[in-house]
């Protein structure tokens, strides 16, 4: 039986620093357009956080274009992929254009392997996404 403890999990530390698995920054560069910049891991622990921020933006009432910038993502898991698919469907239902920004193998490879790269409009930078959206 292996009871290993990670170096950053000091059981004797009375004030452990909580891990922040994902950070989401929201920018509104122009009317009816918003950009969500994600930093961290998009997995089963954090997909709900993305849903909480993204869902209200996809009903078509406030925004016409929503850009999700994934360039700060260090890991993209199946729950994150699932949340992106659900968000894409909600955007389509709301008449919102959902655009993804990705420039790393960490994000692009899971999209390619699952065939989801054909479902999304993917751009290498936020500025290129905003130029078309």
C-alpha atoms as a PDB file:
ATOM      1  CA  UNK A   1       0.000   0.000   0.000  1.00  0.00           C
ATOM      2  CA  UNK A   2       1.403   3.358  -1.029  1.00  0.00           C
ATOM      3  CA  UNK A   3       0.417   6.334   1.110  1.00  0.00           C
ATOM      4  CA  UNK A   4       2.510   8.931  -0.671  1.00  0.00           C
ATOM      5  CA  UNK A   5       1.930  12.610  -0.037  1.00  0.00           C
ATOM      6  CA  UNK A   6       2.661  15.229  -2.660  1.00  0.00           C
ATOM      7  CA  UNK A   7       5.254  17.799  -1.696  1.00  0.00           C
ATOM      8  CA  UNK A   8       2.707  20.610  -1.870  1.00  0.00           C
ATOM      9  CA  UNK A   9       0.259  18.733   0.409  1.00  0.00           C
ATOM     10  CA  UNK A  10       1.900  19.354   3.755  1.00  0.00           C
ATOM     11  CA  UNK A  11      -0.473  17.761   6.313  1.00  0.00           C
ATOM     12  CA  UNK A  12       1.169  19.810   9.084  1.00  0.00           C
ATOM     13  CA  UNK A  13       0.669  23.199   7.436  1.00  0.00           C
ATOM     14  CA  UNK A  14      -2.022  25.005   9.495  1.00  0.00           C
ATOM     15  CA  UNK A  15      -2.703  27.460   6.651  1.00  0.00           C
ATOM     16  CA  UNK A  16      -2.523  25.605   3.336  1.00  0.00           C
ATOM     17  CA  UNK A  17      -2.904  27.754   0.245  1.00  0.00           C
ATOM     18  CA  UNK A  18      -6.024  26.645  -1.647  1.00  0.00           C
ATOM     19  CA  UNK A  19      -5.376  25.560  -5.197  1.00  0.00           C
ATOM     20  CA  UNK A  20      -7.014  27.712  -7.846  1.00  0.00           C
ATOM     21  CA  UNK A  21      -7.620  25.234 -10.685  1.00  0.00           C
ATOM     22  CA  UNK A  22      -8.906  27.776 -13.207  1.00  0.00           C
ATOM     23  CA  UNK A  23      -9.164  31.525 -13.574  1.00  0.00           C
ATOM     24  CA  UNK A  24     -11.593  33.163 -15.988  1.00  0.00           C
ATOM     25  CA  UNK A  25     -11.170  36.750 -17.113  1.00  0.00           C
ATOM     26  CA  UNK A  26     -14.003  38.468 -18.957  1.00  0.00           C
ATOM     27  CA  UNK A  27     -13.488  41.317 -21.389  1.00  0.00           C
ATOM     28  CA  UNK A  28     -16.023  43.197 -23.496  1.00  0.00           C
ATOM     29  CA  UNK A  29     -13.993  44.674 -26.355  1.00  0.00           C
ATOM     30  CA  UNK A  30     -17.011  46.040 -28.240  1.00  0.00           C
ATOM     31  CA  UNK A  31     -20.813  46.078 -27.995  1.00  0.00           C
ATOM     32  CA  UNK A  32     -22.504  42.643 -28.054  1.00  0.00           C
ATOM     33  CA  UNK A  33     -19.127  40.871 -27.944  1.00  0.00           C
ATOM     34  CA  UNK A  34     -17.442  39.258 -24.965  1.00  0.00           C
ATOM     35  CA  UNK A  35     -14.183  37.369 -24.515  1.00  0.00           C
ATOM     36  CA  UNK A  36     -13.558  34.780 -21.809  1.00  0.00           C
ATOM     37  CA  UNK A  37      -9.860  34.100 -21.190  1.00  0.00           C
ATOM     38  CA  UNK A  38      -9.226  30.844 -19.348  1.00  0.00           C
ATOM     39  CA  UNK A  39      -6.071  30.084 -17.357  1.00  0.00           C
ATOM     40  CA  UNK A  40      -5.447  26.708 -15.730  1.00  0.00           C
ATOM     41  CA  UNK A  41      -6.962  23.293 -16.312  1.00  0.00           C
ATOM     42  CA  UNK A  42     -10.332  22.637 -17.924  1.00  0.00           C
ATOM     43  CA  UNK A  43     -11.374  19.289 -16.496  1.00  0.00           C
ATOM     44  CA  UNK A  44     -14.079  17.679 -14.360  1.00  0.00           C
ATOM     45  CA  UNK A  45     -13.219  19.961 -11.416  1.00  0.00           C
ATOM     46  CA  UNK A  46     -13.494  23.170 -13.403  1.00  0.00           C
ATOM     47  CA  UNK A  47     -15.956  22.572 -16.265  1.00  0.00           C
ATOM     48  CA  UNK A  48     -18.827  23.680 -14.012  1.00  0.00           C
ATOM     49  CA  UNK A  49     -17.053  26.996 -13.390  1.00  0.00           C
ATOM     50  CA  UNK A  50     -16.860  27.581 -17.127  1.00  0.00           C
ATOM     51  CA  UNK A  51     -20.544  26.689 -17.484  1.00  0.00           C
ATOM     52  CA  UNK A  52     -21.475  29.145 -14.714  1.00  0.00           C
ATOM     53  CA  UNK A  53     -19.674  31.997 -16.495  1.00  0.00           C
ATOM     54  CA  UNK A  54     -20.515  31.066 -20.077  1.00  0.00           C
ATOM     55  CA  UNK A  55     -24.157  29.933 -19.971  1.00  0.00           C
ATOM     56  CA  UNK A  56     -25.688  33.354 -19.227  1.00  0.00           C
ATOM     57  CA  UNK A  57     -23.857  34.816 -22.224  1.00  0.00           C
ATOM     58  CA  UNK A  58     -25.323  32.414 -24.786  1.00  0.00           C
ATOM     59  CA  UNK A  59     -29.024  33.252 -24.809  1.00  0.00           C
ATOM     60  CA  UNK A  60     -28.631  35.921 -27.493  1.00  0.00           C
ATOM     61  CA  UNK A  61     -30.114  38.709 -25.429  1.00  0.00           C
ATOM     62  CA  UNK A  62     -26.877  40.504 -24.532  1.00  0.00           C
ATOM     63  CA  UNK A  63     -24.235  39.143 -26.869  1.00  0.00           C
ATOM     64  CA  UNK A  64     -23.921  38.286 -30.527  1.00  0.00           C
ATOM     65  CA  UNK A  65     -20.367  36.925 -30.379  1.00  0.00           C
ATOM     66  CA  UNK A  66     -18.638  35.054 -27.544  1.00  0.00           C
ATOM     67  CA  UNK A  67     -14.954  34.213 -27.807  1.00  0.00           C
ATOM     68  CA  UNK A  68     -13.459  31.580 -25.490  1.00  0.00           C
ATOM     69  CA  UNK A  69      -9.695  32.039 -25.344  1.00  0.00           C
ATOM     70  CA  UNK A  70      -8.097  28.718 -24.383  1.00  0.00           C
ATOM     71  CA  UNK A  71      -4.469  29.804 -24.850  1.00  0.00           C
ATOM     72  CA  UNK A  72      -3.945  29.766 -21.080  1.00  0.00           C
ATOM     73  CA  UNK A  73      -5.212  26.199 -20.637  1.00  0.00           C
ATOM     74  CA  UNK A  74      -2.637  23.698 -19.398  1.00  0.00           C
ATOM     75  CA  UNK A  75      -4.892  20.636 -19.612  1.00  0.00           C
ATOM     76  CA  UNK A  76      -8.113  19.966 -21.519  1.00  0.00           C
ATOM     77  CA  UNK A  77     -10.013  16.914 -20.284  1.00  0.00           C
ATOM     78  CA  UNK A  78     -13.151  15.181 -21.480  1.00  0.00           C
ATOM     79  CA  UNK A  79     -15.403  17.139 -19.110  1.00  0.00           C
ATOM     80  CA  UNK A  80     -13.975  20.361 -20.528  1.00  0.00           C
ATOM     81  CA  UNK A  81     -14.593  19.134 -24.065  1.00  0.00           C
ATOM     82  CA  UNK A  82     -18.138  18.176 -23.116  1.00  0.00           C
ATOM     83  CA  UNK A  83     -18.772  21.624 -21.663  1.00  0.00           C
ATOM     84  CA  UNK A  84     -17.477  23.281 -24.821  1.00  0.00           C
ATOM     85  CA  UNK A  85     -19.825  21.129 -26.942  1.00  0.00           C
ATOM     86  CA  UNK A  86     -22.805  21.947 -24.701  1.00  0.00           C
ATOM     87  CA  UNK A  87     -21.905  25.640 -24.865  1.00  0.00           C
ATOM     88  CA  UNK A  88     -21.688  25.485 -28.645  1.00  0.00           C
ATOM     89  CA  UNK A  89     -25.184  23.967 -28.804  1.00  0.00           C
ATOM     90  CA  UNK A  90     -26.556  26.602 -26.409  1.00  0.00           C
ATOM     91  CA  UNK A  91     -24.926  29.352 -28.468  1.00  0.00           C
ATOM     92  CA  UNK A  92     -26.497  28.017 -31.668  1.00  0.00           C
ATOM     93  CA  UNK A  93     -29.907  27.858 -29.960  1.00  0.00           C
ATOM     94  CA  UNK A  94     -29.494  31.464 -28.793  1.00  0.00           C
ATOM     95  CA  UNK A  95     -28.250  32.762 -32.135  1.00  0.00           C
ATOM     96  CA  UNK A  96     -24.818  33.500 -30.692  1.00  0.00           C
ATOM     97  CA  UNK A  97     -21.570  32.902 -32.547  1.00  0.00           C
ATOM     98  CA  UNK A  98     -19.162  30.970 -30.313  1.00  0.00           C
ATOM     99  CA  UNK A  99     -15.513  31.147 -31.331  1.00  0.00           C
ATOM    100  CA  UNK A 100     -12.549  29.346 -29.765  1.00  0.00           C
ATOM    101  CA  UNK A 101      -8.974  30.576 -29.557  1.00  0.00           C
ATOM    102  CA  UNK A 102      -6.304  27.900 -29.249  1.00  0.00           C
ATOM    103  CA  UNK A 103      -2.659  27.805 -30.220  1.00  0.00           C
ATOM    104  CA  UNK A 104      -1.183  24.884 -28.279  1.00  0.00           C
ATOM    105  CA  UNK A 105      -1.087  21.140 -28.766  1.00  0.00           C
ATOM    106  CA  UNK A 106      -2.494  20.800 -25.234  1.00  0.00           C
ATOM    107  CA  UNK A 107      -5.833  22.134 -26.470  1.00  0.00           C
ATOM    108  CA  UNK A 108      -5.750  21.437 -30.185  1.00  0.00           C
ATOM    109  CA  UNK A 109      -4.858  17.744 -29.916  1.00  0.00           C
ATOM    110  CA  UNK A 110      -7.905  16.708 -27.822  1.00  0.00           C
ATOM    111  CA  UNK A 111     -10.132  18.661 -30.214  1.00  0.00           C
ATOM    112  CA  UNK A 112      -8.539  16.929 -33.210  1.00  0.00           C
ATOM    113  CA  UNK A 113      -8.583  13.414 -31.725  1.00  0.00           C
ATOM    114  CA  UNK A 114     -12.285  13.669 -30.901  1.00  0.00           C
ATOM    115  CA  UNK A 115     -13.169  15.282 -34.231  1.00  0.00           C
ATOM    116  CA  UNK A 116     -14.486  18.344 -32.430  1.00  0.00           C
ATOM    117  CA  UNK A 117     -12.133  20.615 -34.337  1.00  0.00           C
ATOM    118  CA  UNK A 118     -14.648  20.422 -37.197  1.00  0.00           C
ATOM    119  CA  UNK A 119     -17.483  21.512 -34.892  1.00  0.00           C
ATOM    120  CA  UNK A 120     -15.854  24.756 -33.734  1.00  0.00           C
ATOM    121  CA  UNK A 121     -14.434  27.805 -35.432  1.00  0.00           C
ATOM    122  CA  UNK A 122     -10.902  27.881 -33.979  1.00  0.00           C
ATOM    123  CA  UNK A 123      -8.499  30.804 -34.278  1.00  0.00           C
ATOM    124  CA  UNK A 124      -4.839  31.194 -33.289  1.00  0.00           C
ATOM    125  CA  UNK A 125      -5.416  34.517 -31.487  1.00  0.00           C
ATOM    126  CA  UNK A 126      -8.177  36.577 -29.945  1.00  0.00           C
ATOM    127  CA  UNK A 127      -7.551  39.382 -32.417  1.00  0.00           C
ATOM    128  CA  UNK A 128      -8.043  37.020 -35.387  1.00  0.00           C
ATOM    129  CA  UNK A 129     -11.266  35.684 -33.848  1.00  0.00           C
ATOM    130  CA  UNK A 130     -12.575  39.190 -33.235  1.00  0.00           C
ATOM    131  CA  UNK A 131     -11.717  40.198 -36.823  1.00  0.00           C
ATOM    132  CA  UNK A 132     -14.117  37.548 -38.151  1.00  0.00           C
ATOM    133  CA  UNK A 133     -16.729  37.474 -35.375  1.00  0.00           C
END
